[in-house]
Amino acid sequence: MNSRPVVLVYKKRNRDVSPLERTCSDLDWSLKVCEGDDGLRTEIEKGIVLAIIVPLGSTEEGTKNARDFAV
């Protein structure tokens, strides 16, 4: 089992996360992209999550995306 701390990206929505991948690699952290709720839940249950990043869309969509994520 890999016990490195994990940074999760929830539904990256076609964004380039390579700078974040490099940073996590330099810090010996894992970076995982979760495109669905089940994958996110599984990673959280492992208990080694440092951060969850939720990319938001436009101002109109952003609030809805954040609300959906919280639910």
C-alpha atoms as a PDB file:
ATOM      1  CA  MET A   1       0.000   0.000   0.000  1.00  0.00           C
ATOM      2  CA  ASN A   2       1.317   3.430  -0.922  1.00  0.00           C
ATOM      3  CA  SER A   3       1.274   5.647   2.189  1.00  0.00           C
ATOM      4  CA  ARG A   4       2.316   8.877   0.486  1.00  0.00           C
ATOM      5  CA  PRO A   5       0.051  11.851   1.176  1.00  0.00           C
ATOM      6  CA  VAL A   6      -2.461  12.472  -1.603  1.00  0.00           C
ATOM      7  CA  VAL A   7      -3.723  15.613  -3.300  1.00  0.00           C
ATOM      8  CA  LEU A   8      -7.045  14.992  -5.044  1.00  0.00           C
ATOM      9  CA  VAL A   9      -8.380  16.888  -8.035  1.00  0.00           C
ATOM     10  CA  TYR A  10     -12.129  16.477  -8.377  1.00  0.00           C
ATOM     11  CA  LYS A  11     -13.271  16.533 -12.011  1.00  0.00           C
ATOM     12  CA  LYS A  12     -10.441  18.483 -13.593  1.00  0.00           C
ATOM     13  CA  ARG A  13     -12.718  19.581 -16.459  1.00  0.00           C
ATOM     14  CA  ASN A  14     -10.108  19.546 -19.233  1.00  0.00           C
ATOM     15  CA  ARG A  15      -7.582  21.598 -17.302  1.00  0.00           C
ATOM     16  CA  ASP A  16      -3.840  20.999 -17.501  1.00  0.00           C
ATOM     17  CA  VAL A  17      -2.719  19.717 -14.099  1.00  0.00           C
ATOM     18  CA  SER A  18       0.889  18.992 -15.123  1.00  0.00           C
ATOM     19  CA  PRO A  19       2.350  21.837 -12.972  1.00  0.00           C
ATOM     20  CA  LEU A  20       0.519  20.394  -9.977  1.00  0.00           C
ATOM     21  CA  GLU A  21       1.741  16.897 -10.896  1.00  0.00           C
ATOM     22  CA  ARG A  22       5.358  18.120 -10.921  1.00  0.00           C
ATOM     23  CA  THR A  23       4.970  19.907  -7.593  1.00  0.00           C
ATOM     24  CA  CYS A  24       3.414  16.867  -5.938  1.00  0.00           C
ATOM     25  CA  SER A  25       6.142  14.647  -7.351  1.00  0.00           C
ATOM     26  CA  ASP A  26       8.854  16.984  -6.010  1.00  0.00           C
ATOM     27  CA  LEU A  27       7.251  16.801  -2.559  1.00  0.00           C
ATOM     28  CA  ASP A  28       6.830  12.998  -2.780  1.00  0.00           C
ATOM     29  CA  TRP A  29       3.063  13.331  -2.729  1.00  0.00           C
ATOM     30  CA  SER A  30       0.613  11.470  -4.941  1.00  0.00           C
ATOM     31  CA  LEU A  31      -1.785  13.339  -7.210  1.00  0.00           C
ATOM     32  CA  LYS A  32      -5.015  11.644  -8.178  1.00  0.00           C
ATOM     33  CA  VAL A  33      -7.786  12.894 -10.430  1.00  0.00           C
ATOM     34  CA  CYS A  34     -11.228  11.683  -9.406  1.00  0.00           C
ATOM     35  CA  GLU A  35     -13.793  12.064 -12.157  1.00  0.00           C
ATOM     36  CA  GLY A  36     -16.599  10.638 -10.062  1.00  0.00           C
ATOM     37  CA  ASP A  37     -17.902  10.704  -6.526  1.00  0.00           C
ATOM     38  CA  ASP A  38     -17.040   7.056  -5.843  1.00  0.00           C
ATOM     39  CA  GLY A  39     -13.354   7.569  -6.612  1.00  0.00           C
ATOM     40  CA  LEU A  40     -13.239  10.656  -4.416  1.00  0.00           C
ATOM     41  CA  ARG A  41     -14.985   8.881  -1.561  1.00  0.00           C
ATOM     42  CA  THR A  42     -12.588   5.921  -1.788  1.00  0.00           C
ATOM     43  CA  GLU A  43      -9.531   8.177  -1.562  1.00  0.00           C
ATOM     44  CA  ILE A  44     -10.960  10.141   1.367  1.00  0.00           C
ATOM     45  CA  GLU A  45     -11.714   6.934   3.254  1.00  0.00           C
ATOM     46  CA  LYS A  46      -8.030   5.964   3.032  1.00  0.00           C
ATOM     47  CA  GLY A  47      -7.343   8.887   5.362  1.00  0.00           C
ATOM     48  CA  ILE A  48      -4.177  10.318   3.791  1.00  0.00           C
ATOM     49  CA  VAL A  49      -5.674  13.208   1.781  1.00  0.00           C
ATOM     50  CA  LEU A  50      -3.835  16.525   2.140  1.00  0.00           C
ATOM     51  CA  ALA A  51      -6.078  18.580  -0.117  1.00  0.00           C
ATOM     52  CA  ILE A  52      -9.044  18.364  -2.440  1.00  0.00           C
ATOM     53  CA  ILE A  53      -8.943  20.732  -5.401  1.00  0.00           C
ATOM     54  CA  VAL A  54     -12.225  21.484  -7.123  1.00  0.00           C
ATOM     55  CA  PRO A  55     -11.741  23.397 -10.382  1.00  0.00           C
ATOM     56  CA  LEU A  56     -14.668  25.724 -10.963  1.00  0.00           C
ATOM     57  CA  GLY A  57     -16.029  26.918 -14.261  1.00  0.00           C
ATOM     58  CA  SER A  58     -17.517  30.292 -15.066  1.00  0.00           C
ATOM     59  CA  THR A  59     -19.045  32.541 -12.426  1.00  0.00           C
ATOM     60  CA  GLU A  60     -22.472  31.158 -13.243  1.00  0.00           C
ATOM     61  CA  GLU A  61     -21.323  27.528 -13.220  1.00  0.00           C
ATOM     62  CA  GLY A  62     -18.823  27.959 -10.406  1.00  0.00           C
ATOM     63  CA  THR A  63     -21.382  28.327  -7.666  1.00  0.00           C
ATOM     64  CA  LYS A  64     -23.353  25.376  -8.938  1.00  0.00           C
ATOM     65  CA  ASN A  65     -20.227  23.194  -9.214  1.00  0.00           C
ATOM     66  CA  ALA A  66     -19.148  24.079  -5.682  1.00  0.00           C
ATOM     67  CA  ARG A  67     -22.626  23.365  -4.344  1.00  0.00           C
ATOM     68  CA  ASP A  68     -22.762  20.018  -6.182  1.00  0.00           C
ATOM     69  CA  PHE A  69     -19.374  19.081  -4.762  1.00  0.00           C
ATOM     70  CA  ALA A  70     -20.402  19.964  -1.189  1.00  0.00           C
ATOM     71  CA  VAL A  71     -23.526  17.818  -1.466  1.00  0.00           C
END
